[in-house]
N, C-alpha and C. Protein backbone atom coordinates (compact mmCIF):
# COMPACT_ATOMS: atom_id res chain seq x y z
N UNK A 1 -32.04 -13.57 20.98
CA UNK A 1 -31.64 -12.66 19.92
C UNK A 1 -32.86 -11.91 19.42
N UNK A 2 -32.66 -10.67 19.08
CA UNK A 2 -33.80 -9.84 18.71
C UNK A 2 -34.39 -10.25 17.36
N UNK A 3 -35.64 -9.90 17.21
CA UNK A 3 -36.35 -10.18 15.96
C UNK A 3 -35.69 -9.45 14.79
N UNK A 4 -35.25 -8.22 15.04
CA UNK A 4 -34.59 -7.45 13.96
C UNK A 4 -33.30 -8.14 13.50
N UNK A 5 -32.53 -8.65 14.43
CA UNK A 5 -31.30 -9.36 14.07
C UNK A 5 -31.64 -10.57 13.22
N UNK A 6 -32.63 -11.32 13.63
CA UNK A 6 -33.02 -12.50 12.86
C UNK A 6 -33.49 -12.14 11.45
N UNK A 7 -34.27 -11.08 11.32
CA UNK A 7 -34.74 -10.65 10.01
C UNK A 7 -33.56 -10.23 9.13
N UNK A 8 -32.65 -9.46 9.69
CA UNK A 8 -31.49 -9.01 8.91
C UNK A 8 -30.62 -10.18 8.48
N UNK A 9 -30.46 -11.16 9.36
CA UNK A 9 -29.67 -12.35 9.00
C UNK A 9 -30.35 -13.11 7.86
N UNK A 10 -31.66 -13.16 7.87
CA UNK A 10 -32.40 -13.81 6.79
C UNK A 10 -32.17 -13.07 5.47
N UNK A 11 -32.29 -11.75 5.50
CA UNK A 11 -32.05 -10.95 4.30
C UNK A 11 -30.63 -11.14 3.78
N UNK A 12 -29.67 -11.23 4.70
CA UNK A 12 -28.27 -11.38 4.30
C UNK A 12 -27.98 -12.73 3.65
N UNK A 13 -28.78 -13.73 3.95
CA UNK A 13 -28.59 -15.03 3.29
C UNK A 13 -28.79 -14.88 1.78
N UNK A 14 -29.70 -14.02 1.39
CA UNK A 14 -29.97 -13.79 -0.03
C UNK A 14 -28.95 -12.83 -0.65
N UNK A 15 -28.41 -11.92 0.15
CA UNK A 15 -27.46 -10.91 -0.36
C UNK A 15 -26.33 -10.72 0.66
N UNK A 16 -25.43 -11.69 0.77
CA UNK A 16 -24.40 -11.63 1.82
C UNK A 16 -23.43 -10.45 1.73
N UNK A 17 -23.27 -9.87 0.56
CA UNK A 17 -22.33 -8.76 0.43
C UNK A 17 -23.02 -7.39 0.48
N UNK A 18 -24.29 -7.36 0.82
CA UNK A 18 -25.04 -6.10 0.87
C UNK A 18 -24.54 -5.25 2.04
N UNK A 19 -23.87 -4.16 1.72
CA UNK A 19 -23.28 -3.30 2.76
C UNK A 19 -24.32 -2.71 3.70
N UNK A 20 -25.45 -2.29 3.14
CA UNK A 20 -26.48 -1.71 3.99
C UNK A 20 -26.96 -2.73 5.02
N UNK A 21 -27.21 -3.95 4.59
CA UNK A 21 -27.68 -4.99 5.51
C UNK A 21 -26.62 -5.35 6.55
N UNK A 22 -25.36 -5.47 6.11
CA UNK A 22 -24.29 -5.76 7.06
C UNK A 22 -24.14 -4.64 8.08
N UNK A 23 -24.26 -3.41 7.61
CA UNK A 23 -24.15 -2.26 8.51
C UNK A 23 -25.31 -2.25 9.52
N UNK A 24 -26.50 -2.46 9.02
CA UNK A 24 -27.68 -2.48 9.90
C UNK A 24 -27.58 -3.60 10.93
N UNK A 25 -27.11 -4.77 10.49
CA UNK A 25 -26.97 -5.89 11.43
C UNK A 25 -25.90 -5.57 12.48
N UNK A 26 -24.81 -4.98 12.05
CA UNK A 26 -23.76 -4.61 13.01
C UNK A 26 -24.29 -3.63 14.06
N UNK A 27 -25.07 -2.66 13.63
CA UNK A 27 -25.66 -1.71 14.58
C UNK A 27 -26.60 -2.40 15.56
N UNK A 28 -27.36 -3.37 15.07
CA UNK A 28 -28.25 -4.13 15.96
C UNK A 28 -27.43 -4.94 16.98
N UNK A 29 -26.33 -5.52 16.52
CA UNK A 29 -25.47 -6.25 17.45
C UNK A 29 -24.91 -5.32 18.53
N UNK A 30 -24.54 -4.10 18.14
CA UNK A 30 -24.05 -3.15 19.14
C UNK A 30 -25.13 -2.86 20.16
N UNK A 31 -26.36 -2.64 19.70
CA UNK A 31 -27.48 -2.38 20.63
C UNK A 31 -27.66 -3.54 21.59
N UNK A 32 -27.37 -4.76 21.10
CA UNK A 32 -27.52 -5.96 21.92
C UNK A 32 -26.30 -6.22 22.80
N UNK A 33 -25.28 -5.35 22.68
CA UNK A 33 -24.08 -5.52 23.49
C UNK A 33 -23.11 -6.55 22.94
N UNK A 34 -23.24 -6.88 21.67
CA UNK A 34 -22.40 -7.90 21.03
C UNK A 34 -21.44 -7.24 20.04
N UNK A 35 -20.38 -6.62 20.59
CA UNK A 35 -19.40 -5.94 19.76
C UNK A 35 -18.64 -6.90 18.86
N UNK A 36 -18.46 -8.13 19.29
CA UNK A 36 -17.71 -9.10 18.49
C UNK A 36 -18.39 -9.37 17.15
N UNK A 37 -19.68 -9.66 17.17
CA UNK A 37 -20.40 -9.89 15.92
C UNK A 37 -20.56 -8.59 15.12
N UNK A 38 -20.72 -7.48 15.81
CA UNK A 38 -20.80 -6.19 15.11
C UNK A 38 -19.52 -5.95 14.33
N UNK A 39 -18.41 -6.20 14.97
CA UNK A 39 -17.11 -5.99 14.32
C UNK A 39 -16.98 -6.83 13.05
N UNK A 40 -17.41 -8.08 13.12
CA UNK A 40 -17.33 -8.96 11.95
C UNK A 40 -18.06 -8.34 10.76
N UNK A 41 -19.26 -7.82 10.99
CA UNK A 41 -20.06 -7.27 9.89
C UNK A 41 -19.54 -5.92 9.41
N UNK A 42 -19.05 -5.10 10.32
CA UNK A 42 -18.44 -3.84 9.90
C UNK A 42 -17.18 -4.13 9.05
N UNK A 43 -16.37 -5.08 9.50
CA UNK A 43 -15.14 -5.39 8.78
C UNK A 43 -15.44 -5.98 7.40
N UNK A 44 -16.53 -6.73 7.28
CA UNK A 44 -16.94 -7.23 5.96
C UNK A 44 -17.20 -6.07 5.01
N UNK A 45 -17.84 -5.04 5.50
CA UNK A 45 -18.12 -3.87 4.66
C UNK A 45 -16.83 -3.20 4.20
N UNK A 46 -15.92 -2.99 5.12
CA UNK A 46 -14.66 -2.33 4.76
C UNK A 46 -13.90 -3.17 3.75
N UNK A 47 -13.95 -4.48 3.90
CA UNK A 47 -13.27 -5.38 2.99
C UNK A 47 -13.97 -5.44 1.63
N UNK A 48 -15.28 -5.62 1.64
CA UNK A 48 -16.05 -5.82 0.40
C UNK A 48 -16.27 -4.54 -0.39
N UNK A 49 -16.41 -3.41 0.31
CA UNK A 49 -16.66 -2.14 -0.39
C UNK A 49 -16.07 -0.99 0.43
N UNK A 50 -14.78 -0.74 0.26
CA UNK A 50 -14.12 0.32 1.03
C UNK A 50 -14.77 1.69 0.84
N UNK A 51 -15.53 1.88 -0.22
CA UNK A 51 -16.17 3.17 -0.48
C UNK A 51 -17.46 3.35 0.32
N UNK A 52 -17.90 2.32 1.03
CA UNK A 52 -19.12 2.43 1.85
C UNK A 52 -18.74 3.15 3.14
N UNK A 53 -18.81 4.48 3.09
CA UNK A 53 -18.22 5.30 4.15
C UNK A 53 -18.97 5.26 5.49
N UNK A 54 -20.20 4.84 5.49
CA UNK A 54 -20.98 4.83 6.74
C UNK A 54 -20.37 3.92 7.80
N UNK A 55 -19.65 2.92 7.38
CA UNK A 55 -19.12 1.94 8.32
C UNK A 55 -17.93 2.43 9.13
N UNK A 56 -17.12 3.31 8.57
CA UNK A 56 -15.86 3.68 9.21
C UNK A 56 -16.04 4.28 10.61
N UNK A 57 -16.96 5.18 10.75
CA UNK A 57 -17.17 5.83 12.05
C UNK A 57 -17.53 4.80 13.12
N UNK A 58 -18.51 3.97 12.80
CA UNK A 58 -19.01 3.02 13.81
C UNK A 58 -17.97 1.95 14.15
N UNK A 59 -17.25 1.47 13.15
CA UNK A 59 -16.20 0.48 13.43
C UNK A 59 -15.08 1.11 14.24
N UNK A 60 -14.69 2.33 13.90
CA UNK A 60 -13.63 2.99 14.66
C UNK A 60 -14.06 3.22 16.11
N UNK A 61 -15.31 3.61 16.33
CA UNK A 61 -15.81 3.79 17.71
C UNK A 61 -15.76 2.47 18.46
N UNK A 62 -16.12 1.38 17.78
CA UNK A 62 -16.06 0.06 18.40
C UNK A 62 -14.62 -0.26 18.78
N UNK A 63 -13.69 0.03 17.90
CA UNK A 63 -12.27 -0.20 18.20
C UNK A 63 -11.81 0.64 19.38
N UNK A 64 -12.28 1.87 19.45
CA UNK A 64 -11.96 2.72 20.61
C UNK A 64 -12.42 2.05 21.90
N UNK A 65 -13.67 1.57 21.90
CA UNK A 65 -14.22 0.91 23.10
C UNK A 65 -13.40 -0.32 23.49
N UNK A 66 -12.83 -0.98 22.48
CA UNK A 66 -12.04 -2.19 22.73
C UNK A 66 -10.60 -1.86 23.13
N UNK A 67 -10.28 -0.57 23.19
CA UNK A 67 -8.94 -0.16 23.57
C UNK A 67 -7.93 -0.23 22.43
N UNK A 68 -8.41 -0.38 21.20
CA UNK A 68 -7.54 -0.47 20.03
C UNK A 68 -7.40 0.91 19.39
N UNK A 69 -6.79 1.81 20.14
CA UNK A 69 -6.70 3.21 19.74
C UNK A 69 -6.00 3.41 18.41
N UNK A 70 -4.87 2.76 18.21
CA UNK A 70 -4.11 2.95 16.96
C UNK A 70 -4.92 2.45 15.75
N UNK A 71 -5.61 1.32 15.92
CA UNK A 71 -6.45 0.80 14.83
C UNK A 71 -7.60 1.76 14.54
N UNK A 72 -8.16 2.34 15.59
CA UNK A 72 -9.26 3.30 15.41
C UNK A 72 -8.76 4.53 14.66
N UNK A 73 -7.60 5.04 15.04
CA UNK A 73 -7.04 6.21 14.37
C UNK A 73 -6.83 5.92 12.88
N UNK A 74 -6.25 4.78 12.60
CA UNK A 74 -6.01 4.38 11.22
C UNK A 74 -7.31 4.27 10.43
N UNK A 75 -8.32 3.73 11.06
CA UNK A 75 -9.61 3.57 10.38
C UNK A 75 -10.28 4.92 10.13
N UNK A 76 -10.18 5.84 11.08
CA UNK A 76 -10.71 7.19 10.84
C UNK A 76 -10.04 7.81 9.62
N UNK A 77 -8.72 7.67 9.54
CA UNK A 77 -7.98 8.25 8.41
C UNK A 77 -8.43 7.61 7.10
N UNK A 78 -8.54 6.28 7.07
CA UNK A 78 -9.01 5.60 5.85
C UNK A 78 -10.42 6.05 5.49
N UNK A 79 -11.26 6.20 6.49
CA UNK A 79 -12.62 6.66 6.25
C UNK A 79 -12.66 8.07 5.69
N UNK A 80 -11.80 8.95 6.23
CA UNK A 80 -11.74 10.32 5.71
C UNK A 80 -11.30 10.31 4.25
N UNK A 81 -10.34 9.47 3.92
CA UNK A 81 -9.88 9.38 2.53
C UNK A 81 -11.02 8.94 1.61
N UNK A 82 -11.77 7.94 2.04
CA UNK A 82 -12.89 7.43 1.24
C UNK A 82 -14.00 8.47 1.12
N UNK A 83 -14.30 9.14 2.23
CA UNK A 83 -15.36 10.16 2.21
C UNK A 83 -14.97 11.32 1.30
N UNK A 84 -13.70 11.72 1.36
CA UNK A 84 -13.23 12.81 0.50
C UNK A 84 -13.33 12.40 -0.96
N UNK A 85 -12.94 11.17 -1.28
CA UNK A 85 -13.02 10.68 -2.66
C UNK A 85 -14.46 10.65 -3.15
N UNK A 86 -15.39 10.36 -2.23
CA UNK A 86 -16.81 10.31 -2.59
C UNK A 86 -17.47 11.69 -2.54
N UNK A 87 -16.68 12.70 -2.15
CA UNK A 87 -17.19 14.07 -1.99
C UNK A 87 -18.34 14.12 -0.96
N UNK A 88 -18.22 13.28 0.05
CA UNK A 88 -19.19 13.23 1.14
C UNK A 88 -18.60 14.00 2.31
N UNK A 89 -18.76 15.31 2.27
CA UNK A 89 -18.11 16.16 3.26
C UNK A 89 -18.77 16.06 4.65
N UNK A 90 -20.01 15.68 4.70
CA UNK A 90 -20.66 15.49 6.01
C UNK A 90 -19.98 14.34 6.75
N UNK A 91 -19.85 13.20 6.08
CA UNK A 91 -19.20 12.05 6.71
C UNK A 91 -17.74 12.37 6.99
N UNK A 92 -17.07 13.05 6.07
CA UNK A 92 -15.68 13.44 6.27
C UNK A 92 -15.54 14.22 7.56
N UNK A 93 -16.40 15.21 7.75
CA UNK A 93 -16.29 16.03 8.94
C UNK A 93 -16.59 15.28 10.23
N UNK A 94 -17.52 14.33 10.18
CA UNK A 94 -17.78 13.50 11.38
C UNK A 94 -16.55 12.65 11.72
N UNK A 95 -15.96 12.06 10.70
CA UNK A 95 -14.77 11.24 10.91
C UNK A 95 -13.60 12.09 11.40
N UNK A 96 -13.44 13.27 10.82
CA UNK A 96 -12.35 14.15 11.22
C UNK A 96 -12.52 14.59 12.68
N UNK A 97 -13.73 14.90 13.06
CA UNK A 97 -13.98 15.32 14.44
C UNK A 97 -13.66 14.19 15.43
N UNK A 98 -14.09 12.98 15.10
CA UNK A 98 -13.82 11.83 15.97
C UNK A 98 -12.31 11.56 16.03
N UNK A 99 -11.64 11.68 14.88
CA UNK A 99 -10.20 11.48 14.81
C UNK A 99 -9.48 12.52 15.66
N UNK A 100 -9.88 13.78 15.54
CA UNK A 100 -9.25 14.85 16.33
C UNK A 100 -9.46 14.63 17.82
N UNK A 101 -10.66 14.21 18.21
CA UNK A 101 -10.92 13.93 19.63
C UNK A 101 -9.99 12.85 20.16
N UNK A 102 -9.65 11.91 19.32
CA UNK A 102 -8.82 10.80 19.73
C UNK A 102 -7.32 11.15 19.72
N UNK A 103 -6.92 11.92 18.73
CA UNK A 103 -5.51 12.23 18.53
C UNK A 103 -5.03 13.37 19.42
N UNK A 104 -5.88 14.39 19.64
CA UNK A 104 -5.44 15.57 20.36
C UNK A 104 -5.88 15.58 21.79
C-alpha cells in the first residue's frame, strides 16, 4: 500500500468524517486500482455531507466503470442538484457534461 494511503488513513483516524480526507483517500485508492475501497470512501462523503460536490463526479465515474449505469446517472443528477444549490456552476457543468455523455 502506498505511503500516501497510509498517511491519509492515519489522518482519518483523528477526523473520520473529514470529506476532504475521504475524497483524497478514495482518489489514491483509484490510482492503486482499488475501486472497492475508493467507493467506500466516496459513499461516506455522499452520506455524511451531500453538499460536498467534489465527490459526485468521481463516484459516478467509478460506477460507470463498474457497469452501474443507472446508479451513475442518478448520482450525476444528485450532484448537479447539490452543485446548483451551492452555486458551484463549474462543478455543475462538469457533472452535466458527464451525465449528457452517458444519457445521450
